[in-house]
Each structure stands twice: as C-alpha cells, then as structure tokens.
Amino acid sequence: METNNAENTWTELKIIEPIENYLKEFKTPEEFNVWYSKHKNEVDAQTTYMLNKKYHIDGYRITKIKGVLMLKKWNGIKYY
C-alpha cells in the first residue's frame, strides 16, 4: 500500500484471485513451440512457476536452465 504524505490517505488495495484454470493448453510440445515463438518476450519475462500455472503442455512442465526455457517430461506425480 502506498500513502500520499500530503493528504495522508491510503490508496485502495488491489485484490487478485488465484489462477485456477489454464489460460492456454497445448497437446504437443510442437504446438507450444509455435505459440512460444510468437510470444517469446512475454513468456521469458515470467517465472516458471507462473508459466506452469498459466499454460499446460500434455506430459510436460516448463522449466528454465541457465535462463533457457525448456520442457521437462512430467507424469503428473508430485514428489516431496
């Protein structure tokens, strides 16, 4: 929250909702790659956590290794 020292008032707090549904789903890595080539700058600016919340590629998770975006095979099981 920010304050305006001149008037000592609070600005309104923004409320965001959790991402519950994927914004876009891809059936194959090739389909994702075509889309990614058109949205590279937008995608590269986001964390892999956020990318995996927004986008789903059947059988894969989005990862970055040394700043390079990659797809990692994934069977849907979370290991703790």
PDB file of N, CA and C in Angstrom:
ATOM      1  N   MET A   1       0.838  -1.178   0.000  1.00  0.00           N
ATOM      2  CA  MET A   1       0.000   0.000   0.000  1.00  0.00           C
ATOM      3  C   MET A   1       0.878   1.234   0.000  1.00  0.00           C
ATOM      4  N   GLU A   2       0.415   2.243  -0.624  1.00  0.00           N
ATOM      5  CA  GLU A   2       1.153   3.494  -0.683  1.00  0.00           C
ATOM      6  C   GLU A   2       0.385   4.565   0.081  1.00  0.00           C
ATOM      7  N   THR A   3       1.128   5.499   0.626  1.00  0.00           N
ATOM      8  CA  THR A   3       0.459   6.629   1.267  1.00  0.00           C
ATOM      9  C   THR A   3       0.810   7.891   0.528  1.00  0.00           C
ATOM     10  N   ASN A   4      -0.084   8.801   0.547  1.00  0.00           N
ATOM     11  CA  ASN A   4       0.148  10.114  -0.020  1.00  0.00           C
ATOM     12  C   ASN A   4       0.415  11.030   1.170  1.00  0.00           C
ATOM     13  N   ASN A   5       1.679  11.395   1.394  1.00  0.00           N
ATOM     14  CA  ASN A   5       2.043  12.158   2.579  1.00  0.00           C
ATOM     15  C   ASN A   5       1.340  13.504   2.659  1.00  0.00           C
ATOM     16  N   ALA A   6       1.037  14.118   1.516  1.00  0.00           N
ATOM     17  CA  ALA A   6       0.386  15.435   1.525  1.00  0.00           C
ATOM     18  C   ALA A   6      -1.004  15.341   2.135  1.00  0.00           C
ATOM     19  N   GLU A   7      -1.745  14.283   1.818  1.00  0.00           N
ATOM     20  CA  GLU A   7      -3.102  14.160   2.327  1.00  0.00           C
ATOM     21  C   GLU A   7      -3.229  13.057   3.372  1.00  0.00           C
ATOM     22  N   ASN A   8      -2.165  12.257   3.542  1.00  0.00           N
ATOM     23  CA  ASN A   8      -2.145  11.161   4.497  1.00  0.00           C
ATOM     24  C   ASN A   8      -3.324  10.202   4.285  1.00  0.00           C
ATOM     25  N   THR A   9      -3.560   9.804   3.044  1.00  0.00           N
ATOM     26  CA  THR A   9      -4.618   8.848   2.718  1.00  0.00           C
ATOM     27  C   THR A   9      -3.997   7.599   2.107  1.00  0.00           C
ATOM     28  N   TRP A  10      -4.693   6.489   2.221  1.00  0.00           N
ATOM     29  CA  TRP A  10      -4.233   5.212   1.675  1.00  0.00           C
ATOM     30  C   TRP A  10      -4.863   4.987   0.309  1.00  0.00           C
ATOM     31  N   THR A  11      -4.066   4.438  -0.605  1.00  0.00           N
ATOM     32  CA  THR A  11      -4.630   4.056  -1.889  1.00  0.00           C
ATOM     33  C   THR A  11      -5.323   2.711  -1.717  1.00  0.00           C
ATOM     34  N   GLU A  12      -6.254   2.412  -2.580  1.00  0.00           N
ATOM     35  CA  GLU A  12      -7.015   1.181  -2.464  1.00  0.00           C
ATOM     36  C   GLU A  12      -6.142  -0.028  -2.759  1.00  0.00           C
ATOM     37  N   LEU A  13      -6.286  -1.054  -1.973  1.00  0.00           N
ATOM     38  CA  LEU A  13      -5.527  -2.288  -2.107  1.00  0.00           C
ATOM     39  C   LEU A  13      -6.110  -3.130  -3.235  1.00  0.00           C
ATOM     40  N   LYS A  14      -5.260  -3.630  -4.134  1.00  0.00           N
ATOM     41  CA  LYS A  14      -5.723  -4.474  -5.233  1.00  0.00           C
ATOM     42  C   LYS A  14      -5.865  -5.908  -4.740  1.00  0.00           C
ATOM     43  N   ILE A  15      -6.956  -6.540  -5.105  1.00  0.00           N
ATOM     44  CA  ILE A  15      -7.211  -7.927  -4.730  1.00  0.00           C
ATOM     45  C   ILE A  15      -7.115  -8.770  -5.991  1.00  0.00           C
ATOM     46  N   ILE A  16      -6.273  -9.799  -5.941  1.00  0.00           N
ATOM     47  CA  ILE A  16      -6.123 -10.683  -7.095  1.00  0.00           C
ATOM     48  C   ILE A  16      -6.635 -12.071  -6.720  1.00  0.00           C
ATOM     49  N   GLU A  17      -7.114 -12.779  -7.700  1.00  0.00           N
ATOM     50  CA  GLU A  17      -7.640 -14.127  -7.494  1.00  0.00           C
ATOM     51  C   GLU A  17      -6.582 -15.147  -7.917  1.00  0.00           C
ATOM     52  N   PRO A  18      -6.590 -16.315  -7.300  1.00  0.00           N
ATOM     53  CA  PRO A  18      -5.643 -17.352  -7.731  1.00  0.00           C
ATOM     54  C   PRO A  18      -5.986 -17.851  -9.128  1.00  0.00           C
ATOM     55  N   ILE A  19      -4.976 -18.330  -9.836  1.00  0.00           N
ATOM     56  CA  ILE A  19      -5.189 -18.892 -11.160  1.00  0.00           C
ATOM     57  C   ILE A  19      -5.655 -20.335 -10.967  1.00  0.00           C
ATOM     58  N   GLU A  20      -6.904 -20.619 -11.324  1.00  0.00           N
ATOM     59  CA  GLU A  20      -7.450 -21.959 -11.118  1.00  0.00           C
ATOM     60  C   GLU A  20      -7.555 -22.751 -12.413  1.00  0.00           C
ATOM     61  N   ASN A  21      -7.617 -22.066 -13.534  1.00  0.00           N
ATOM     62  CA  ASN A  21      -7.702 -22.734 -14.830  1.00  0.00           C
ATOM     63  C   ASN A  21      -6.561 -22.245 -15.713  1.00  0.00           C
ATOM     64  N   TYR A  22      -6.084 -23.134 -16.577  1.00  0.00           N
ATOM     65  CA  TYR A  22      -5.027 -22.741 -17.500  1.00  0.00           C
ATOM     66  C   TYR A  22      -5.561 -21.713 -18.493  1.00  0.00           C
ATOM     67  N   LEU A  23      -4.743 -20.736 -18.825  1.00  0.00           N
ATOM     68  CA  LEU A  23      -5.126 -19.764 -19.840  1.00  0.00           C
ATOM     69  C   LEU A  23      -5.068 -20.377 -21.230  1.00  0.00           C
ATOM     70  N   LYS A  24      -4.121 -21.302 -21.421  1.00  0.00           N
ATOM     71  CA  LYS A  24      -3.956 -21.934 -22.723  1.00  0.00           C
ATOM     72  C   LYS A  24      -3.406 -23.342 -22.502  1.00  0.00           C
ATOM     73  N   GLU A  25      -3.943 -24.295 -23.255  1.00  0.00           N
ATOM     74  CA  GLU A  25      -3.469 -25.677 -23.175  1.00  0.00           C
ATOM     75  C   GLU A  25      -2.959 -26.121 -24.540  1.00  0.00           C
ATOM     76  N   PHE A  26      -1.886 -26.900 -24.522  1.00  0.00           N
ATOM     77  CA  PHE A  26      -1.247 -27.384 -25.741  1.00  0.00           C
ATOM     78  C   PHE A  26      -1.200 -28.902 -25.706  1.00  0.00           C
ATOM     79  N   LYS A  27      -1.477 -29.536 -26.813  1.00  0.00           N
ATOM     80  CA  LYS A  27      -1.472 -31.005 -26.883  1.00  0.00           C
ATOM     81  C   LYS A  27      -0.072 -31.571 -27.107  1.00  0.00           C
ATOM     82  N   THR A  28       0.796 -30.792 -27.775  1.00  0.00           N
ATOM     83  CA  THR A  28       2.146 -31.286 -28.079  1.00  0.00           C
ATOM     84  C   THR A  28       3.177 -30.183 -27.816  1.00  0.00           C
ATOM     85  N   PRO A  29       4.436 -30.577 -27.597  1.00  0.00           N
ATOM     86  CA  PRO A  29       5.500 -29.583 -27.467  1.00  0.00           C
ATOM     87  C   PRO A  29       5.644 -28.734 -28.731  1.00  0.00           C
ATOM     88  N   GLU A  30       5.378 -29.323 -29.880  1.00  0.00           N
ATOM     89  CA  GLU A  30       5.493 -28.574 -31.138  1.00  0.00           C
ATOM     90  C   GLU A  30       4.466 -27.445 -31.195  1.00  0.00           C
ATOM     91  N   GLU A  31       3.245 -27.745 -30.743  1.00  0.00           N
ATOM     92  CA  GLU A  31       2.192 -26.728 -30.703  1.00  0.00           C
ATOM     93  C   GLU A  31       2.597 -25.577 -29.760  1.00  0.00           C
ATOM     94  N   PHE A  32       3.165 -25.938 -28.597  1.00  0.00           N
ATOM     95  CA  PHE A  32       3.645 -24.920 -27.664  1.00  0.00           C
ATOM     96  C   PHE A  32       4.773 -24.111 -28.291  1.00  0.00           C
ATOM     97  N   ASN A  33       5.676 -24.761 -28.985  1.00  0.00           N
ATOM     98  CA  ASN A  33       6.830 -24.095 -29.590  1.00  0.00           C
ATOM     99  C   ASN A  33       6.400 -23.049 -30.619  1.00  0.00           C
ATOM    100  N   VAL A  34       5.383 -23.352 -31.411  1.00  0.00           N
ATOM    101  CA  VAL A  34       4.868 -22.386 -32.384  1.00  0.00           C
ATOM    102  C   VAL A  34       4.317 -21.168 -31.659  1.00  0.00           C
ATOM    103  N   TRP A  35       3.527 -21.403 -30.607  1.00  0.00           N
ATOM    104  CA  TRP A  35       2.956 -20.303 -29.825  1.00  0.00           C
ATOM    105  C   TRP A  35       4.067 -19.514 -29.119  1.00  0.00           C
ATOM    106  N   TYR A  36       5.024 -20.230 -28.547  1.00  0.00           N
ATOM    107  CA  TYR A  36       6.130 -19.589 -27.833  1.00  0.00           C
ATOM    108  C   TYR A  36       6.938 -18.674 -28.749  1.00  0.00           C
ATOM    109  N   SER A  37       7.168 -19.091 -29.979  1.00  0.00           N
ATOM    110  CA  SER A  37       7.951 -18.269 -30.908  1.00  0.00           C
ATOM    111  C   SER A  37       7.279 -16.924 -31.174  1.00  0.00           C
ATOM    112  N   LYS A  38       5.955 -16.876 -31.057  1.00  0.00           N
ATOM    113  CA  LYS A  38       5.222 -15.626 -31.266  1.00  0.00           C
ATOM    114  C   LYS A  38       5.109 -14.788 -30.000  1.00  0.00           C
ATOM    115  N   HIS A  39       5.313 -15.394 -28.820  1.00  0.00           N
ATOM    116  CA  HIS A  39       5.145 -14.709 -27.529  1.00  0.00           C
ATOM    117  C   HIS A  39       6.396 -14.787 -26.661  1.00  0.00           C
ATOM    118  N   LYS A  40       7.555 -14.948 -27.291  1.00  0.00           N
ATOM    119  CA  LYS A  40       8.815 -15.188 -26.584  1.00  0.00           C
ATOM    120  C   LYS A  40       9.125 -14.148 -25.506  1.00  0.00           C
ATOM    121  N   ASN A  41       9.061 -12.872 -25.833  1.00  0.00           N
ATOM    122  CA  ASN A  41       9.416 -11.831 -24.862  1.00  0.00           C
ATOM    123  C   ASN A  41       8.494 -11.851 -23.649  1.00  0.00           C
ATOM    124  N   GLU A  42       7.208 -12.017 -23.874  1.00  0.00           N
ATOM    125  CA  GLU A  42       6.231 -12.073 -22.787  1.00  0.00           C
ATOM    126  C   GLU A  42       6.481 -13.281 -21.885  1.00  0.00           C
ATOM    127  N   VAL A  43       6.746 -14.430 -22.489  1.00  0.00           N
ATOM    128  CA  VAL A  43       6.962 -15.667 -21.741  1.00  0.00           C
ATOM    129  C   VAL A  43       8.281 -15.632 -20.977  1.00  0.00           C
ATOM    130  N   ASP A  44       9.340 -15.181 -21.617  1.00  0.00           N
ATOM    131  CA  ASP A  44      10.660 -15.151 -20.973  1.00  0.00           C
ATOM    132  C   ASP A  44      10.708 -14.240 -19.760  1.00  0.00           C
ATOM    133  N   ALA A  45       9.816 -13.263 -19.685  1.00  0.00           N
ATOM    134  CA  ALA A  45       9.806 -12.324 -18.561  1.00  0.00           C
ATOM    135  C   ALA A  45       9.128 -12.909 -17.312  1.00  0.00           C
ATOM    136  N   GLN A  46       8.472 -14.064 -17.454  1.00  0.00           N
ATOM    137  CA  GLN A  46       7.737 -14.653 -16.336  1.00  0.00           C
ATOM    138  C   GLN A  46       8.515 -15.798 -15.701  1.00  0.00           C
ATOM    139  N   THR A  47       8.189 -16.071 -14.441  1.00  0.00           N
ATOM    140  CA  THR A  47       8.826 -17.196 -13.743  1.00  0.00           C
ATOM    141  C   THR A  47       8.226 -18.505 -14.237  1.00  0.00           C
ATOM    142  N   THR A  48       8.958 -19.597 -14.079  1.00  0.00           N
ATOM    143  CA  THR A  48       8.439 -20.894 -14.496  1.00  0.00           C
ATOM    144  C   THR A  48       7.246 -21.297 -13.630  1.00  0.00           C
ATOM    145  N   TYR A  49       7.233 -20.879 -12.382  1.00  0.00           N
ATOM    146  CA  TYR A  49       6.082 -21.156 -11.520  1.00  0.00           C
ATOM    147  C   TYR A  49       4.814 -20.563 -12.136  1.00  0.00           C
ATOM    148  N   MET A  50       4.891 -19.311 -12.545  1.00  0.00           N
ATOM    149  CA  MET A  50       3.739 -18.641 -13.139  1.00  0.00           C
ATOM    150  C   MET A  50       3.391 -19.250 -14.497  1.00  0.00           C
ATOM    151  N   LEU A  51       4.388 -19.585 -15.293  1.00  0.00           N
ATOM    152  CA  LEU A  51       4.137 -20.193 -16.601  1.00  0.00           C
ATOM    153  C   LEU A  51       3.409 -21.525 -16.457  1.00  0.00           C
ATOM    154  N   ASN A  52       3.811 -22.330 -15.481  1.00  0.00           N
ATOM    155  CA  ASN A  52       3.159 -23.625 -15.278  1.00  0.00           C
ATOM    156  C   ASN A  52       1.759 -23.480 -14.701  1.00  0.00           C
ATOM    157  N   LYS A  53       1.470 -22.375 -14.040  1.00  0.00           N
ATOM    158  CA  LYS A  53       0.113 -22.089 -13.569  1.00  0.00           C
ATOM    159  C   LYS A  53      -0.781 -21.658 -14.727  1.00  0.00           C
ATOM    160  N   LYS A  54      -0.206 -20.925 -15.683  1.00  0.00           N
ATOM    161  CA  LYS A  54      -0.988 -20.368 -16.794  1.00  0.00           C
ATOM    162  C   LYS A  54      -1.138 -21.306 -17.977  1.00  0.00           C
ATOM    163  N   TYR A  55      -0.092 -22.071 -18.280  1.00  0.00           N
ATOM    164  CA  TYR A  55      -0.062 -22.860 -19.507  1.00  0.00           C
ATOM    165  C   TYR A  55       0.161 -24.338 -19.207  1.00  0.00           C
ATOM    166  N   HIS A  56      -0.491 -25.196 -19.968  1.00  0.00           N
ATOM    167  CA  HIS A  56      -0.356 -26.636 -19.774  1.00  0.00           C
ATOM    168  C   HIS A  56       0.022 -27.294 -21.093  1.00  0.00           C
ATOM    169  N   ILE A  57       1.084 -28.086 -21.076  1.00  0.00           N
ATOM    170  CA  ILE A  57       1.512 -28.870 -22.228  1.00  0.00           C
ATOM    171  C   ILE A  57       1.407 -30.322 -21.795  1.00  0.00           C
ATOM    172  N   ASP A  58       0.548 -31.112 -22.460  1.00  0.00           N
ATOM    173  CA  ASP A  58       0.328 -32.506 -22.071  1.00  0.00           C
ATOM    174  C   ASP A  58       1.639 -33.257 -21.910  1.00  0.00           C
ATOM    175  N   GLY A  59       1.880 -33.766 -20.679  1.00  0.00           N
ATOM    176  CA  GLY A  59       3.060 -34.589 -20.412  1.00  0.00           C
ATOM    177  C   GLY A  59       4.342 -33.824 -20.129  1.00  0.00           C
ATOM    178  N   TYR A  60       4.265 -32.489 -20.019  1.00  0.00           N
ATOM    179  CA  TYR A  60       5.480 -31.683 -19.818  1.00  0.00           C
ATOM    180  C   TYR A  60       5.249 -30.570 -18.804  1.00  0.00           C
ATOM    181  N   ARG A  61       6.334 -30.123 -18.194  1.00  0.00           N
ATOM    182  CA  ARG A  61       6.361 -28.939 -17.338  1.00  0.00           C
ATOM    183  C   ARG A  61       7.358 -27.968 -17.956  1.00  0.00           C
ATOM    184  N   ILE A  62       7.099 -26.685 -17.771  1.00  0.00           N
ATOM    185  CA  ILE A  62       8.007 -25.653 -18.270  1.00  0.00           C
ATOM    186  C   ILE A  62       9.092 -25.438 -17.228  1.00  0.00           C
ATOM    187  N   THR A  63      10.333 -25.368 -17.670  1.00  0.00           N
ATOM    188  CA  THR A  63      11.459 -25.127 -16.775  1.00  0.00           C
ATOM    189  C   THR A  63      12.452 -24.203 -17.472  1.00  0.00           C
ATOM    190  N   LYS A  64      13.327 -23.608 -16.680  1.00  0.00           N
ATOM    191  CA  LYS A  64      14.422 -22.801 -17.233  1.00  0.00           C
ATOM    192  C   LYS A  64      15.715 -23.313 -16.627  1.00  0.00           C
ATOM    193  N   ILE A  65      16.685 -23.529 -17.480  1.00  0.00           N
ATOM    194  CA  ILE A  65      18.019 -23.910 -17.020  1.00  0.00           C
ATOM    195  C   ILE A  65      18.979 -22.881 -17.578  1.00  0.00           C
ATOM    196  N   LYS A  66      19.652 -22.189 -16.665  1.00  0.00           N
ATOM    197  CA  LYS A  66      20.576 -21.098 -17.018  1.00  0.00           C
ATOM    198  C   LYS A  66      19.899 -20.080 -17.930  1.00  0.00           C
ATOM    199  N   GLY A  67      18.628 -19.775 -17.618  1.00  0.00           N
ATOM    200  CA  GLY A  67      17.891 -18.756 -18.351  1.00  0.00           C
ATOM    201  C   GLY A  67      17.293 -19.197 -19.667  1.00  0.00           C
ATOM    202  N   VAL A  68      17.460 -20.487 -20.011  1.00  0.00           N
ATOM    203  CA  VAL A  68      16.930 -21.002 -21.281  1.00  0.00           C
ATOM    204  C   VAL A  68      15.665 -21.800 -20.987  1.00  0.00           C
ATOM    205  N   LEU A  69      14.559 -21.438 -21.633  1.00  0.00           N
ATOM    206  CA  LEU A  69      13.287 -22.113 -21.442  1.00  0.00           C
ATOM    207  C   LEU A  69      13.330 -23.499 -22.072  1.00  0.00           C
ATOM    208  N   MET A  70      12.842 -24.504 -21.319  1.00  0.00           N
ATOM    209  CA  MET A  70      12.827 -25.885 -21.792  1.00  0.00           C
ATOM    210  C   MET A  70      11.559 -26.560 -21.308  1.00  0.00           C
ATOM    211  N   LEU A  71      11.212 -27.673 -21.930  1.00  0.00           N
ATOM    212  CA  LEU A  71      10.117 -28.506 -21.467  1.00  0.00           C
ATOM    213  C   LEU A  71      10.702 -29.772 -20.865  1.00  0.00           C
ATOM    214  N   LYS A  72      10.198 -30.128 -19.686  1.00  0.00           N
ATOM    215  CA  LYS A  72      10.674 -31.317 -18.976  1.00  0.00           C
ATOM    216  C   LYS A  72       9.531 -32.329 -18.948  1.00  0.00           C
ATOM    217  N   LYS A  73       9.814 -33.573 -19.322  1.00  0.00           N
ATOM    218  CA  LYS A  73       8.775 -34.608 -19.276  1.00  0.00           C
ATOM    219  C   LYS A  73       8.256 -34.718 -17.850  1.00  0.00           C
ATOM    220  N   TRP A  74       6.935 -34.871 -17.736  1.00  0.00           N
ATOM    221  CA  TRP A  74       6.297 -34.879 -16.426  1.00  0.00           C
ATOM    222  C   TRP A  74       5.093 -35.801 -16.472  1.00  0.00           C
ATOM    223  N   ASN A  75       4.965 -36.684 -15.463  1.00  0.00           N
ATOM    224  CA  ASN A  75       3.857 -37.631 -15.455  1.00  0.00           C
ATOM    225  C   ASN A  75       2.718 -37.208 -14.534  1.00  0.00           C
ATOM    226  N   GLY A  76       2.802 -36.019 -13.952  1.00  0.00           N
ATOM    227  CA  GLY A  76       1.725 -35.514 -13.116  1.00  0.00           C
ATOM    228  C   GLY A  76       1.840 -35.866 -11.647  1.00  0.00           C
ATOM    229  N   ILE A  77       2.842 -36.663 -11.269  1.00  0.00           N
ATOM    230  CA  ILE A  77       3.024 -37.045  -9.881  1.00  0.00           C
ATOM    231  C   ILE A  77       3.972 -36.053  -9.223  1.00  0.00           C
ATOM    232  N   LYS A  78       3.541 -35.524  -8.063  1.00  0.00           N
ATOM    233  CA  LYS A  78       4.406 -34.592  -7.322  1.00  0.00           C
ATOM    234  C   LYS A  78       5.252 -35.397  -6.332  1.00  0.00           C
ATOM    235  N   TYR A  79       6.541 -35.143  -6.373  1.00  0.00           N
ATOM    236  CA  TYR A  79       7.466 -35.791  -5.444  1.00  0.00           C
ATOM    237  C   TYR A  79       7.816 -34.817  -4.347  1.00  0.00           C
ATOM    238  N   TYR A  80       7.702 -35.248  -3.107  1.00  0.00           N
ATOM    239  CA  TYR A  80       8.018 -34.364  -1.973  1.00  0.00           C
ATOM    240  C   TYR A  80       9.217 -34.847  -1.242  1.00  0.00           C
TER     241      TYR A  80
END
